[in-house]
Protein backbone atom coordinates (compact mmCIF):
# COMPACT_ATOMS: atom_id res chain seq x y z
CA MET A 1 0.00 0.00 0.00
CA GLN A 2 2.78 2.45 0.78
CA ARG A 3 4.05 2.13 -2.81
CA LEU A 4 0.56 3.04 -4.02
CA TYR A 5 0.42 5.91 -1.53
CA ASN A 6 3.72 7.16 -2.95
CA ASP A 7 2.27 6.98 -6.46
CA LEU A 8 -0.62 9.13 -5.24
CA ALA A 9 1.76 11.61 -3.55
CA ILE A 10 0.55 10.62 -0.07
CA PRO A 11 3.32 10.72 2.59
CA GLN A 12 3.52 7.85 5.05
CA LYS A 13 2.80 10.12 8.03
CA VAL A 14 -0.46 11.23 6.40
CA ALA A 15 -1.54 7.66 5.65
CA GLU A 16 -0.82 6.63 9.23
CA PHE A 17 -2.73 9.62 10.65
CA VAL A 18 -5.86 8.77 8.64
CA GLN A 19 -5.57 5.07 9.40
CA ASP A 20 -5.39 5.80 13.13
CA ALA A 21 -8.57 7.88 12.83
CA HIS A 22 -10.21 5.03 10.91
CA ASP A 23 -9.39 2.60 13.72
CA GLU A 24 -11.02 4.91 16.27
CA VAL A 25 -14.36 5.31 14.47
CA ARG A 26 -15.14 1.67 13.66
CA GLY A 27 -17.82 1.57 16.35
CA ALA A 28 -19.82 4.21 14.48
CA PHE A 29 -19.61 2.08 11.33
CA GLU A 30 -21.50 -0.77 12.99
CA ARG A 31 -24.55 1.47 13.45
CA ILE A 32 -24.37 2.53 9.80
CA ASP A 33 -24.12 -1.09 8.66
CA ALA A 34 -27.25 -2.00 10.62
CA LEU A 35 -29.15 0.93 9.09
CA ARG A 36 -28.24 0.09 5.53
CA GLU A 37 -29.13 -3.58 5.98
CA TYR A 38 -32.55 -2.42 7.19
CA HIS A 39 -33.04 -0.21 4.14
CA GLN A 40 -31.69 -2.84 1.77
CA ALA A 41 -34.35 -5.24 3.06
CA ARG A 42 -37.06 -2.61 2.62
CA VAL A 43 -36.06 -1.74 -0.95
CA LEU A 44 -35.89 -5.44 -1.88
CA LYS A 45 -39.32 -6.04 -0.30
CA PHE A 46 -40.96 -3.25 -2.28
CA MET A 47 -39.24 -4.17 -5.55
CA ASN A 48 -40.65 -7.68 -5.11
CA GLU A 49 -44.12 -6.31 -4.32
CA CYS A 50 -44.02 -4.08 -7.43
CA GLN A 51 -42.96 -7.14 -9.47
CA VAL A 52 -40.13 -5.24 -11.13
CA SER A 53 -39.35 -7.03 -14.39
CA GLN A 54 -37.10 -6.70 -17.41
CA ARG A 55 -39.91 -5.03 -19.36
CA HIS A 56 -39.82 -2.11 -16.91
CA PHE A 57 -36.30 -1.20 -18.04
CA TYR A 58 -37.25 -0.65 -21.70
CA PRO A 59 -37.31 2.91 -23.09
CA SER A 60 -40.32 4.69 -24.51
CA THR A 61 -40.76 7.41 -27.11
CA GLY A 62 -43.21 10.05 -28.19
CA TYR A 63 -46.00 10.76 -25.73
CA GLY A 64 -45.07 7.79 -23.56
CA TYR A 65 -48.63 6.50 -23.12
CA GLY A 66 -48.65 3.26 -21.16
CA ASP A 67 -44.99 3.51 -20.16
CA GLU A 68 -44.81 0.65 -17.64
CA GLY A 69 -41.26 1.40 -16.60
CA ARG A 70 -42.16 4.98 -15.66
CA ASP A 71 -45.39 4.08 -13.89
CA THR A 72 -43.90 1.18 -11.90
CA LEU A 73 -40.99 3.38 -10.82
CA ASP A 74 -43.56 5.84 -9.45
CA ARG A 75 -45.23 3.08 -7.42
CA LEU A 76 -41.90 1.82 -6.14
CA TYR A 77 -40.80 5.25 -4.90
CA ALA A 78 -44.15 5.83 -3.22
CA ALA A 79 -43.75 2.56 -1.32
CA VAL A 80 -40.10 3.09 -0.35
CA PHE A 81 -40.55 6.69 0.79
CA GLY A 82 -43.89 6.32 2.53
CA GLY A 83 -46.26 8.22 0.23
CA GLN A 84 -49.61 7.47 -1.31
CA ASP A 85 -48.26 8.35 -4.75
CA ALA A 86 -45.09 9.56 -6.46
CA LEU A 87 -43.64 11.08 -9.60
CA VAL A 88 -40.12 10.06 -10.64
CA ARG A 89 -38.95 11.80 -13.78
CA PRO A 90 -35.70 12.22 -15.71
CA GLN A 91 -37.17 15.45 -17.11
CA TRP A 92 -36.58 17.18 -13.76
CA ALA A 93 -33.11 18.67 -14.02
CA SER A 94 -32.39 19.08 -10.30
CA GLY A 95 -33.83 19.08 -6.82
CA THR A 96 -34.41 22.83 -7.17
CA HIS A 97 -36.45 22.14 -10.31
CA VAL A 98 -38.75 19.72 -8.43
CA ILE A 99 -39.15 22.09 -5.46
CA SER A 100 -39.94 24.96 -7.84
CA ASP A 101 -42.64 22.93 -9.57
CA CYS A 102 -44.10 21.98 -6.19
CA LEU A 103 -44.20 25.59 -4.99
CA PHE A 104 -46.03 26.67 -8.12
CA ALA A 105 -48.33 23.61 -8.15
CA LEU A 106 -49.44 23.87 -4.53
CA THR A 107 -50.02 27.64 -4.27
CA ARG A 108 -52.18 30.20 -6.00
CA PRO A 109 -51.93 34.01 -6.33
CA GLY A 110 -52.54 35.60 -2.94
CA ASP A 111 -51.22 32.59 -1.01
CA ILE A 112 -48.16 32.77 1.22
CA ILE A 113 -45.34 30.24 1.49
CA LEU A 114 -43.85 29.95 4.97
CA SER A 115 -40.31 28.59 5.28
CA ILE A 116 -39.79 27.42 8.87
CA THR A 117 -36.11 26.51 8.56
CA GLY A 118 -34.86 29.97 7.71
CA LYS A 119 -33.80 31.10 4.26
CA PRO A 120 -33.91 28.20 1.83
CA TYR A 121 -31.05 27.04 -0.36
CA ASP A 122 -29.54 29.75 -2.55
CA THR A 123 -30.90 28.41 -5.84
CA LEU A 124 -34.50 28.87 -4.60
CA GLU A 125 -34.13 32.61 -3.99
CA GLN A 126 -34.93 33.58 -7.58
CA VAL A 127 -37.73 31.00 -7.73
CA ILE A 128 -39.39 32.67 -4.74
CA GLY A 129 -38.39 36.18 -5.77
CA LEU A 130 -36.41 37.24 -2.71
CA GLY A 131 -34.31 39.87 -4.45
CA LYS A 132 -35.08 43.58 -4.60
CA GLN A 133 -36.59 43.01 -8.02
CA PRO A 134 -38.50 39.75 -8.59
CA SER A 135 -36.81 37.60 -11.22
CA ASP A 136 -38.75 36.83 -14.38
CA GLY A 137 -41.39 34.20 -13.70
CA SER A 138 -40.83 34.07 -9.93
CA LEU A 139 -43.56 33.26 -7.44
CA ALA A 140 -43.49 36.87 -6.30
CA GLU A 141 -44.25 37.98 -9.84
CA TRP A 142 -47.28 35.69 -9.78
CA GLY A 143 -48.52 37.18 -6.53
CA VAL A 144 -47.43 34.41 -4.17
CA GLY A 145 -46.02 35.82 -0.94
CA TYR A 146 -43.23 34.53 1.26
CA LYS A 147 -42.40 34.59 4.96
CA GLN A 148 -39.81 32.75 6.98
CA VAL A 149 -39.05 31.73 10.53
CA ASP A 150 -35.39 31.33 11.42
CA LEU A 151 -34.24 28.39 13.48
CA THR A 152 -33.50 28.99 17.14
CA PRO A 153 -29.84 29.46 18.17
CA GLU A 154 -29.85 25.75 19.13
CA GLY A 155 -30.91 24.79 15.59
CA ASN A 156 -34.52 23.92 16.42
CA ILE A 157 -37.70 24.93 14.62
CA ASP A 158 -39.23 27.90 16.44
CA MET A 159 -42.73 26.48 16.78
CA PRO A 160 -44.27 29.38 18.75
CA ALA A 161 -43.26 31.75 15.93
CA VAL A 162 -44.51 29.27 13.30
CA LEU A 163 -47.90 28.85 14.96
CA SER A 164 -48.24 32.61 15.32
CA LEU A 165 -47.72 33.14 11.58
CA LEU A 166 -50.23 30.40 10.79
CA GLU A 167 -52.91 32.74 12.17
CA ASP A 168 -52.66 34.38 8.74
CA GLN A 169 -55.10 32.38 6.63
CA ARG A 170 -53.16 33.26 3.50
CA VAL A 171 -50.39 30.88 4.57
CA LYS A 172 -51.13 27.74 2.54
CA LEU A 173 -47.78 25.98 2.25
CA VAL A 174 -45.02 25.34 4.78
CA LEU A 175 -41.52 24.60 3.46
CA ILE A 176 -39.04 22.57 5.51
CA GLN A 177 -35.46 22.12 4.36
CA ARG A 178 -34.10 18.96 5.96
CA SER A 179 -30.44 19.53 5.14
CA ARG A 180 -28.25 22.46 6.09
CA GLY A 181 -27.47 23.97 2.69
CA TYR A 182 -24.68 26.54 2.84
CA SER A 183 -25.10 27.22 6.54
CA LEU A 184 -23.76 26.05 9.87
CA ARG A 185 -27.14 25.05 11.25
CA PRO A 186 -27.69 21.34 11.97
CA SER A 187 -29.66 19.11 9.66
CA LEU A 188 -33.08 18.09 10.93
CA SER A 189 -34.00 14.62 12.09
CA VAL A 190 -37.22 13.02 10.90
CA LEU A 191 -38.39 13.07 14.53
CA HIS A 192 -37.88 16.84 14.63
CA ILE A 193 -39.81 17.18 11.36
CA LYS A 194 -42.58 14.94 12.73
CA LYS A 195 -43.10 17.16 15.78
CA ALA A 196 -43.23 20.26 13.58
CA ILE A 197 -45.76 18.69 11.21
CA GLN A 198 -47.97 17.61 14.11
CA GLY A 199 -47.95 21.13 15.52
CA ILE A 200 -48.76 22.64 12.12
CA LYS A 201 -51.58 20.20 11.35
CA ASN A 202 -53.10 20.64 14.80
CA LYS A 203 -53.19 24.38 14.19
CA ARG A 204 -54.19 24.34 10.51
CA SER A 205 -55.16 21.04 8.92
CA ASP A 206 -55.56 22.78 5.55
CA VAL A 207 -51.90 23.84 5.34
CA LEU A 208 -49.68 21.63 3.19
CA VAL A 209 -46.15 20.71 4.29
CA LEU A 210 -43.41 20.34 1.68
CA VAL A 211 -40.06 18.83 2.75
CA ASP A 212 -36.89 19.31 0.76
CA ASN A 213 -35.45 15.85 1.39
CA CYS A 214 -32.22 16.30 -0.58
CA TYR A 215 -29.20 14.53 0.97
CA GLY A 216 -31.37 12.92 3.67
CA GLU A 217 -32.71 9.76 2.04
CA PHE A 218 -31.79 6.47 3.78
CA THR A 219 -29.88 8.20 6.61
CA GLU A 220 -32.62 7.34 9.13
CA GLU A 221 -35.19 4.59 9.43
CA LEU A 222 -38.10 6.86 8.43
CA GLU A 223 -38.64 9.44 5.69
CA PRO A 224 -40.69 12.68 5.92
CA CYS A 225 -43.84 11.20 4.35
CA HIS A 226 -43.84 8.46 6.99
CA VAL A 227 -44.45 11.21 9.57
CA GLY A 228 -47.08 13.28 7.78
CA ALA A 229 -45.38 15.41 5.13
CA ASP A 230 -47.73 16.13 2.23
CA VAL A 231 -44.82 16.08 -0.22
CA ALA A 232 -41.14 15.17 0.05
CA VAL A 233 -38.85 15.82 -2.89
CA GLY A 234 -35.28 15.21 -3.93
CA SER A 235 -32.76 14.72 -6.70
CA LEU A 236 -31.94 11.39 -8.32
CA ILE A 237 -28.27 12.32 -8.66
CA LYS A 238 -28.09 12.45 -4.88
CA ASN A 239 -28.88 9.64 -2.42
CA PRO A 240 -31.74 7.69 -4.07
CA GLY A 241 -30.00 7.38 -7.44
CA GLY A 242 -27.26 5.27 -5.89
CA GLY A 243 -24.63 6.82 -8.16
CA LEU A 244 -26.20 5.27 -11.27
CA ALA A 245 -29.17 7.51 -12.10
CA PRO A 246 -27.95 9.88 -14.83
CA THR A 247 -30.41 12.70 -14.11
CA GLY A 248 -33.85 13.43 -12.69
CA GLY A 249 -35.84 14.11 -9.55
CA TYR A 250 -38.68 12.66 -7.52
CA ALA A 251 -41.67 13.78 -5.49
CA VAL A 252 -43.51 11.52 -3.04
CA GLY A 253 -46.64 12.47 -1.15
CA THR A 254 -50.40 12.40 -0.85
CA SER A 255 -52.44 11.49 -3.90
CA LYS A 256 -53.99 14.97 -4.01
CA ALA A 257 -50.68 16.82 -3.85
CA ILE A 258 -49.01 14.58 -6.43
CA GLU A 259 -51.96 15.02 -8.80
CA LYS A 260 -51.62 18.81 -8.55
CA LEU A 261 -47.89 18.49 -9.18
CA SER A 262 -48.47 16.31 -12.25
CA TYR A 263 -50.35 19.19 -13.89
CA ARG A 264 -47.37 21.44 -13.32
CA LEU A 265 -44.99 18.74 -14.58
CA THR A 266 -46.76 18.67 -17.97
CA CYS A 267 -49.98 20.67 -18.30
CA PRO A 268 -53.51 20.78 -16.88
CA GLY A 269 -55.71 17.98 -18.17
CA VAL A 270 -52.73 15.82 -19.15
CA GLY A 271 -50.62 15.41 -16.04
CA ARG A 272 -48.69 12.18 -15.56
CA GLU A 273 -50.19 10.34 -18.53
CA VAL A 274 -47.46 11.51 -20.90
CA GLY A 275 -43.71 11.76 -20.73
CA SER A 276 -41.40 9.33 -22.46
CA TYR A 277 -37.75 8.45 -21.88
CA ALA A 278 -35.80 7.19 -24.87
CA ALA A 279 -33.01 5.70 -22.76
CA GLN A 280 -33.37 2.64 -20.54
CA TYR A 281 -34.82 2.95 -17.04
CA THR A 282 -32.33 0.40 -15.72
CA PRO A 283 -30.08 2.95 -13.92
CA PHE A 284 -33.05 4.34 -11.97
CA TYR A 285 -34.15 0.94 -10.69
CA GLN A 286 -30.65 -0.39 -10.10
CA GLY A 287 -29.56 2.89 -8.53
CA LEU A 288 -32.40 2.75 -6.01
CA PHE A 289 -31.49 -0.86 -5.22
CA LEU A 290 -27.88 0.16 -4.53
CA ALA A 291 -28.77 3.40 -2.71
CA PRO A 292 -28.87 2.03 0.86
CA HIS A 293 -25.35 0.63 0.49
CA VAL A 294 -23.96 3.71 -1.26
CA VAL A 295 -25.49 6.09 1.30
CA GLY A 296 -23.89 3.97 4.02
CA GLU A 297 -20.50 4.36 2.33
CA ALA A 298 -20.99 8.14 2.17
CA LEU A 299 -21.96 8.25 5.85
CA LYS A 300 -18.83 6.32 6.82
CA GLY A 301 -16.71 8.74 4.80
CA ALA A 302 -18.35 11.69 6.55
CA VAL A 303 -17.64 10.16 9.98
CA LEU A 304 -13.97 9.67 9.12
CA THR A 305 -13.71 13.20 7.72
CA ALA A 306 -15.11 14.69 10.91
CA LYS A 307 -12.77 12.60 13.07
CA VAL A 308 -9.66 13.55 11.07
CA PHE A 309 -10.34 17.29 11.12
CA GLN A 310 -11.47 17.39 14.73
CA GLN A 311 -8.20 15.77 15.71
CA LEU A 312 -6.46 18.57 13.82
CA GLY A 313 -8.37 21.20 15.83
CA TYR A 314 -10.97 22.21 13.23
CA ALA A 315 -14.69 22.59 13.93
CA ALA A 316 -16.72 19.85 12.27
CA SER A 317 -20.50 19.60 12.07
CA PRO A 318 -21.80 17.10 12.83
CA SER A 319 -19.13 15.74 15.15
CA TRP A 320 -17.85 12.29 14.20
CA ASP A 321 -19.81 10.65 17.05
CA GLU A 322 -23.10 12.55 16.64
CA PRO A 323 -26.25 11.18 14.94
CA ARG A 324 -26.45 11.97 11.23
CA PHE A 325 -29.54 13.05 9.34
CA ASP A 326 -27.95 13.67 5.93
CA ILE A 327 -24.71 12.85 4.11
CA ILE A 328 -23.17 16.33 4.36
CA GLN A 329 -20.09 17.00 6.47
CA SER A 330 -19.08 20.61 7.09
CA ILE A 331 -15.57 21.64 8.10
CA GLN A 332 -14.79 25.19 9.20
CA LEU A 333 -11.38 26.09 7.77
CA LYS A 334 -9.21 29.05 8.68
CA SER A 335 -8.83 30.95 5.42
CA ALA A 336 -9.88 31.16 1.80
CA GLU A 337 -6.53 29.64 0.87
CA GLU A 338 -7.20 26.55 3.00
CA LEU A 339 -10.66 26.21 1.51
CA ILE A 340 -9.32 26.36 -2.04
CA ALA A 341 -6.54 23.88 -1.23
CA PHE A 342 -9.09 21.47 0.28
CA CYS A 343 -11.33 21.49 -2.79
CA GLN A 344 -8.42 21.26 -5.22
CA ALA A 345 -7.12 18.20 -3.36
CA ILE A 346 -10.54 16.52 -3.52
CA GLN A 347 -10.60 17.15 -7.26
CA SER A 348 -7.13 15.66 -7.67
CA ALA A 349 -8.36 12.51 -5.93
CA SER A 350 -11.32 12.12 -8.28
CA PRO A 351 -11.67 9.27 -10.80
CA VAL A 352 -12.80 11.77 -13.46
CA ASP A 353 -11.09 15.07 -14.37
CA SER A 354 -8.45 14.65 -11.68
CA HIS A 355 -6.17 16.88 -13.79
CA VAL A 356 -8.60 19.81 -13.58
CA LEU A 357 -7.82 22.57 -11.07
CA PRO A 358 -11.04 24.13 -9.69
CA HIS A 359 -11.15 27.84 -8.86
CA PRO A 360 -13.86 30.04 -7.30
CA TRP A 361 -16.32 31.42 -9.86
CA ASP A 362 -19.63 33.26 -10.18
CA MET A 363 -21.94 30.26 -10.37
CA PRO A 364 -25.51 30.98 -11.54
CA GLY A 365 -28.03 31.00 -8.69
CA TYR A 366 -25.51 31.82 -5.95
CA GLN A 367 -24.84 35.17 -4.26
CA HIS A 368 -21.11 34.64 -3.74
CA GLN A 369 -18.30 33.03 -5.66
CA VAL A 370 -18.36 29.27 -5.20
CA ILE A 371 -15.62 26.68 -5.59
CA MET A 372 -16.69 23.17 -6.47
CA ALA A 373 -14.71 19.95 -6.66
CA ALA A 374 -16.69 17.26 -8.43
CA GLY A 375 -14.78 14.78 -10.55
CA THR A 376 -17.85 12.61 -10.97
CA PHE A 377 -19.12 10.09 -13.50
CA VAL A 378 -22.51 11.86 -13.49
CA GLN A 379 -22.00 15.60 -13.80
CA GLY A 380 -22.77 17.33 -10.49
CA ALA A 381 -23.78 14.10 -8.74
CA SER A 382 -23.29 14.81 -5.05
CA ILE A 383 -23.79 11.19 -3.99
CA GLU A 384 -20.38 10.82 -5.60
CA LEU A 385 -17.56 12.41 -3.63
CA SER A 386 -17.60 16.16 -3.99
CA ALA A 387 -16.75 19.29 -2.02
CA ASP A 388 -17.96 22.83 -2.46
CA ALA A 389 -18.19 26.10 -0.61
CA PRO A 390 -18.98 29.79 -1.03
CA LEU A 391 -15.79 31.82 -0.74
CA VAL A 392 -16.88 33.88 2.26
CA PRO A 393 -16.05 33.78 5.98
CA PRO A 394 -16.18 31.63 8.06
CA TYR A 395 -14.79 29.53 5.16
CA VAL A 396 -16.86 26.41 5.66
CA VAL A 397 -16.40 23.61 3.15
CA TYR A 398 -19.17 21.08 2.59
CA LEU A 399 -18.08 17.53 1.77
CA GLN A 400 -20.66 15.01 0.64
CA GLY A 401 -20.97 11.67 -1.02
CA GLY A 402 -18.58 8.88 -1.84
CA LEU A 403 -19.58 5.79 -3.79
CA THR A 404 -17.06 3.83 -1.74
CA TYR A 405 -15.65 4.48 1.71
CA GLU A 406 -12.17 3.64 0.47
CA HIS A 407 -12.33 6.48 -2.04
CA VAL A 408 -13.24 8.99 0.67
CA LYS A 409 -10.39 7.70 2.82
CA LEU A 410 -7.85 8.11 0.01
CA ALA A 411 -9.22 11.56 -0.85
CA LEU A 412 -8.79 12.64 2.78
CA MET A 413 -5.17 11.57 2.60
CA LYS A 414 -4.74 13.72 -0.52
CA VAL A 415 -6.30 16.68 1.30
CA LEU A 416 -3.97 16.34 4.29
CA ALA A 417 -0.95 15.90 2.03
CA GLN A 418 -1.84 19.13 0.22
CA MET A 419 -2.44 21.03 3.45
CA CYS A 420 0.86 19.78 4.87
CA HIS A 421 2.66 20.79 1.67
CA LYS A 422 1.23 24.31 1.86
CA GLY A 423 2.09 24.63 5.55
CA PHE A 424 -1.49 24.80 6.84
CA ILE A 425 -1.07 21.77 9.12
CA ASN A 426 1.83 19.87 10.64
CA LEU A 427 1.55 16.16 11.45
CA THR A 428 5.02 15.73 12.96
């Protein structure tokens, strides 16, 4: 192994440091293994119940009437993620795209959307119309209002403030973002989401609850729809795609909410009945089958990352020994230079485009320059190992994914080697 480490420009002291951290976190891996075996059994059970067959992998063309592969995939996702119904579509380009369609489908002019986990992810700002001038086609331009409740300093949903705002009968949709986005707040557990939904429904049974489930799938035993969410949505190039889905998004929820969304997906009167896919559906089915294992690998990589950087004196959230409710690991670095070095090292350890040197740039949909390391087989797939961050204090980098634990471990070694070389850390 040391010869291979030398080939990868990993000094022996770095390899030993990471291996020592690995030895110390093995207890946490046992809990992850138990969780993924549970989810593997569930996915297998529901694939059997849906009688997934070779014919469901075949492509369709044109309008896509009677597309069995598409329709069975919908039923499978509804079963796995605890909804009455689901839409799973390669035509959705991202998680933001699905959330946007949901926001438009489930509100009408004069309604108000209430975000109860603070400001949502950056790419939703123009969808909602949070700027000084509403962006073309935003919800604000269509007369849909927006309010938000920030999380408490402890990272909890401020339910008294939420219930107070629900007195306004114009509030028709509550948005919950499960993961942290580009912030230091903790990700939310399904139990936390359950308590919030119960409080909301007790106050206003007519209010719909939409959960942005991105990065959270298969990290706990239950999903948001199991605890009362009207809709939960996510991206197929994150957790549920298992690293194989080439594109797409999903929405799982109540029959009524999914029906409304189907008319936004295509058009009123047509809905889910059309929509073909000229490539095979195999990666979507096989990716979901592999997802519990792959998510487990990503979680193990996140635990090791937290342990390594905490031992070096950096703040890590969550801590290596804390419960995890998504696959994201944040590390607070000390400077822009450290942040750039971290991401460049992750890129150099990628199986694809390892020769590319990422730099901060003005990425569409973001307020600040962002640096992204993502040498992935599927472009932008954050279930594969990637790291990104806005280039602003406190210089927090967000690491997520990893199809295999071993890849994350090697990438960490590359990061430490780079940081040692630049004089940011000293392992002697």
